[in-house]
Amino acid sequence: MPFQYLALLRGINVGGKNIVRMADLRAAVESMGFADVVTYIASGNVLFRAPRQRREALAARIESELTQGFDTELKVVLMTVAHLRGVVEDAPRGFGGDSHLSDVVYIRKPLTVKKAFSGVELRAGVDRAWPGRGVVYFSRLAAKATSSRLNKVASLPEYKNMTIRSWSTTTKLLALMESRVDERV
């Protein structure tokens, strides 16, 4: 039975760079033999079904084929519904609250959460961050978001192994995955 995955592509359609149309992305993922392919918003979120296999090997295959197909280096964080559910359930208490803008920084191997978290700069009274399982949770006070240090993450050499999604996108992706699964693993 095909297993459901979520591929989070890093760095597409951001600031006018690495433009990839979602219809083209869906077609590329379907051409790899994957089924039930759906994209969510233009930031590179792809849900699909494939035979169950090691996530690292599947992510490497997707990265290789998409990089060749779109002629730009694309990195992938591959999630299962169980892993994404854990990210949501393990979020710090109050994360995603009304007065804050909250993001989840997804970590791609070989980077570790410990290494990624050690490079996160926080502005007192604005930013908060917590390590998680395969992620770093980052929250900034909405009223002072322009003084947040979240944008400093993009200047880190480790950033090439990270991709960021808002808390809203993260919870919506989980809801989409859960609405599409037959198996609850």
Protein backbone atom coordinates (compact mmCIF):
# COMPACT_ATOMS: atom_id res chain seq x y z
CA MET A 1 0.00 0.00 0.00
CA PRO A 2 1.43 3.44 -0.89
CA PHE A 3 2.57 5.54 2.03
CA GLN A 4 1.96 9.27 2.32
CA TYR A 5 4.84 11.73 2.42
CA LEU A 6 5.26 15.48 2.52
CA ALA A 7 8.21 17.05 0.74
CA LEU A 8 9.16 20.52 1.96
CA LEU A 9 11.30 22.10 -0.74
CA ARG A 10 13.79 24.68 0.38
CA GLY A 11 14.21 28.06 -1.25
CA ILE A 12 11.77 28.06 -4.16
CA ASN A 13 9.62 31.05 -5.11
CA VAL A 14 11.23 33.29 -2.49
CA GLY A 15 12.06 36.87 -3.39
CA GLY A 16 11.68 36.22 -7.11
CA LYS A 17 14.36 33.51 -7.11
CA ASN A 18 14.17 29.84 -8.05
CA ILE A 19 10.72 30.24 -9.57
CA VAL A 20 8.93 26.90 -9.89
CA ARG A 21 5.30 26.77 -10.96
CA MET A 22 3.28 24.39 -8.80
CA ALA A 23 1.76 22.71 -11.87
CA ASP A 24 5.31 21.97 -13.09
CA LEU A 25 6.33 20.72 -9.65
CA ARG A 26 3.30 18.39 -9.47
CA ALA A 27 4.08 17.06 -12.95
CA ALA A 28 7.74 16.48 -12.02
CA VAL A 29 6.82 14.57 -8.86
CA GLU A 30 4.22 12.52 -10.78
CA SER A 31 6.85 11.69 -13.41
CA MET A 32 8.88 9.99 -10.66
CA GLY A 33 6.07 7.47 -10.37
CA PHE A 34 4.47 8.93 -7.24
CA ALA A 35 0.70 9.05 -6.88
CA ASP A 36 -1.95 11.37 -5.48
CA VAL A 37 0.37 14.40 -5.83
CA VAL A 38 -0.94 17.67 -4.39
CA THR A 39 0.84 20.97 -3.74
CA TYR A 40 -0.10 23.51 -1.09
CA ILE A 41 0.70 27.18 -1.67
CA ALA A 42 3.65 28.21 -3.81
CA SER A 43 6.40 27.71 -1.23
CA GLY A 44 7.16 24.12 -2.21
CA ASN A 45 4.94 21.85 -0.13
CA VAL A 46 4.21 18.59 -1.97
CA LEU A 47 2.04 15.78 -0.62
CA PHE A 48 2.29 12.45 -2.44
CA ARG A 49 2.08 8.69 -2.07
CA ALA A 50 4.95 6.29 -2.69
CA PRO A 51 5.93 2.82 -1.57
CA ARG A 52 7.23 2.92 2.01
CA GLN A 53 11.00 3.36 2.05
CA ARG A 54 13.82 5.06 3.93
CA ARG A 55 13.12 8.78 4.03
CA GLU A 56 16.76 9.72 3.46
CA ALA A 57 16.97 7.67 0.26
CA LEU A 58 13.65 8.95 -1.02
CA ALA A 59 14.58 12.57 -0.23
CA ALA A 60 17.91 12.15 -2.04
CA ARG A 61 16.15 10.78 -5.12
CA ILE A 62 13.63 13.63 -5.15
CA GLU A 63 16.37 16.23 -4.69
CA SER A 64 18.42 14.77 -7.53
CA GLU A 65 15.55 14.52 -10.00
CA LEU A 66 14.09 17.94 -9.18
CA THR A 67 17.51 19.60 -9.30
CA GLN A 68 18.07 18.15 -12.79
CA GLY A 69 14.53 18.92 -13.95
CA PHE A 70 14.47 22.55 -12.78
CA ASP A 71 18.18 23.25 -13.32
CA THR A 72 18.58 24.67 -9.83
CA GLU A 73 19.78 23.00 -6.65
CA LEU A 74 16.75 21.99 -4.61
CA LYS A 75 16.88 20.59 -1.09
CA VAL A 76 14.08 18.56 0.49
CA VAL A 77 12.96 17.83 4.02
CA LEU A 78 10.76 14.74 3.83
CA MET A 79 8.06 14.20 6.44
CA THR A 80 5.56 11.48 7.29
CA VAL A 81 2.21 12.24 8.89
CA ALA A 82 3.47 10.79 12.18
CA HIS A 83 6.55 13.02 12.16
CA LEU A 84 4.57 16.16 11.28
CA ARG A 85 1.96 15.33 13.92
CA GLY A 86 4.81 15.08 16.44
CA VAL A 87 6.11 18.51 15.39
CA VAL A 88 2.69 20.04 16.02
CA GLU A 89 1.98 18.15 19.25
CA ASP A 90 5.45 18.85 20.69
CA ALA A 91 5.33 22.61 20.06
CA PRO A 92 6.06 24.71 23.14
CA ARG A 93 3.06 25.72 25.21
CA GLY A 94 1.44 28.82 23.72
CA PHE A 95 3.38 28.55 20.46
CA GLY A 96 1.42 30.19 17.65
CA GLY A 97 -0.33 32.58 20.05
CA ASP A 98 -2.05 35.74 18.86
CA SER A 99 0.59 38.33 19.77
CA HIS A 100 3.42 36.41 18.10
CA LEU A 101 4.41 35.36 14.59
CA SER A 102 5.54 31.77 14.82
CA ASP A 103 7.59 29.66 12.44
CA VAL A 104 8.95 26.15 12.33
CA VAL A 105 12.50 25.75 11.04
CA TYR A 106 12.78 22.24 9.57
CA ILE A 107 16.26 20.73 9.73
CA ARG A 108 17.76 18.60 6.95
CA LYS A 109 20.58 16.14 7.57
CA PRO A 110 23.52 16.37 7.96
CA LEU A 111 22.60 19.45 10.04
CA THR A 112 21.41 18.67 13.55
CA VAL A 113 18.92 20.55 15.67
CA LYS A 114 21.64 21.15 18.26
CA LYS A 115 23.94 22.77 15.69
CA ALA A 116 21.10 24.80 14.12
CA PHE A 117 19.83 25.96 17.49
CA SER A 118 23.29 27.05 18.60
CA GLY A 119 23.42 29.49 15.66
CA VAL A 120 20.06 31.12 16.34
CA GLU A 121 20.34 34.72 17.54
CA LEU A 122 17.54 36.15 19.64
CA ARG A 123 16.61 39.77 20.29
CA ALA A 124 15.57 40.23 23.91
CA GLY A 125 11.90 41.06 24.28
CA VAL A 126 11.18 40.08 20.66
CA ASP A 127 12.40 36.58 19.82
CA ARG A 128 12.02 33.19 21.47
CA ALA A 129 13.25 29.82 20.20
CA TRP A 130 13.06 26.21 21.31
CA PRO A 131 14.72 23.05 19.97
CA GLY A 132 12.38 20.26 18.86
CA ARG A 133 12.56 16.87 17.18
CA GLY A 134 13.98 17.67 13.74
CA VAL A 135 12.93 21.32 14.05
CA VAL A 136 13.55 24.61 15.78
CA TYR A 137 10.48 26.55 16.88
CA PHE A 138 10.92 30.32 16.44
CA SER A 139 8.50 32.98 17.64
CA ARG A 140 8.70 36.76 17.46
CA LEU A 141 6.49 39.43 18.96
CA ALA A 142 4.24 40.65 16.13
CA ALA A 143 4.41 44.29 17.22
CA LYS A 144 8.22 44.21 16.99
CA ALA A 145 8.64 41.71 14.14
CA THR A 146 10.77 44.12 12.09
CA SER A 147 13.46 43.99 14.78
CA SER A 148 13.46 40.18 14.96
CA ARG A 149 16.66 38.28 14.30
CA LEU A 150 14.89 35.50 12.36
CA ASN A 151 16.27 36.91 9.09
CA LYS A 152 19.80 36.35 10.45
CA VAL A 153 19.17 32.60 10.13
CA ALA A 154 19.30 33.02 6.34
CA SER A 155 22.87 34.32 6.57
CA LEU A 156 24.13 31.21 8.38
CA PRO A 157 26.10 28.66 6.33
CA GLU A 158 23.83 26.02 7.87
CA TYR A 159 20.78 27.66 6.28
CA LYS A 160 21.23 25.52 3.15
CA ASN A 161 20.01 22.62 5.30
CA MET A 162 16.97 24.41 6.72
CA THR A 163 13.56 25.35 5.41
CA ILE A 164 11.06 27.52 7.24
CA ARG A 165 7.27 27.30 7.33
CA SER A 166 4.86 29.44 9.30
CA TRP A 167 2.95 27.80 12.12
CA SER A 168 -0.23 28.32 10.12
CA THR A 169 1.22 26.49 7.12
CA THR A 170 2.56 23.71 9.36
CA THR A 171 -0.82 23.06 10.98
CA LYS A 172 -2.61 23.29 7.63
CA LEU A 173 -0.21 20.75 6.10
CA LEU A 174 -0.87 18.37 8.99
CA ALA A 175 -4.63 18.76 8.50
CA LEU A 176 -4.23 18.07 4.77
CA MET A 177 -2.11 14.98 5.43
CA GLU A 178 -4.52 13.64 8.02
CA SER A 179 -7.48 14.16 5.69
CA ARG A 180 -5.70 12.07 3.02
CA VAL A 181 -4.47 9.10 5.06
CA ASP A 182 -5.95 5.68 5.39
CA GLU A 183 -3.21 4.57 7.72
CA ARG A 184 -2.50 6.49 10.91
CA VAL A 185 1.21 5.79 11.25
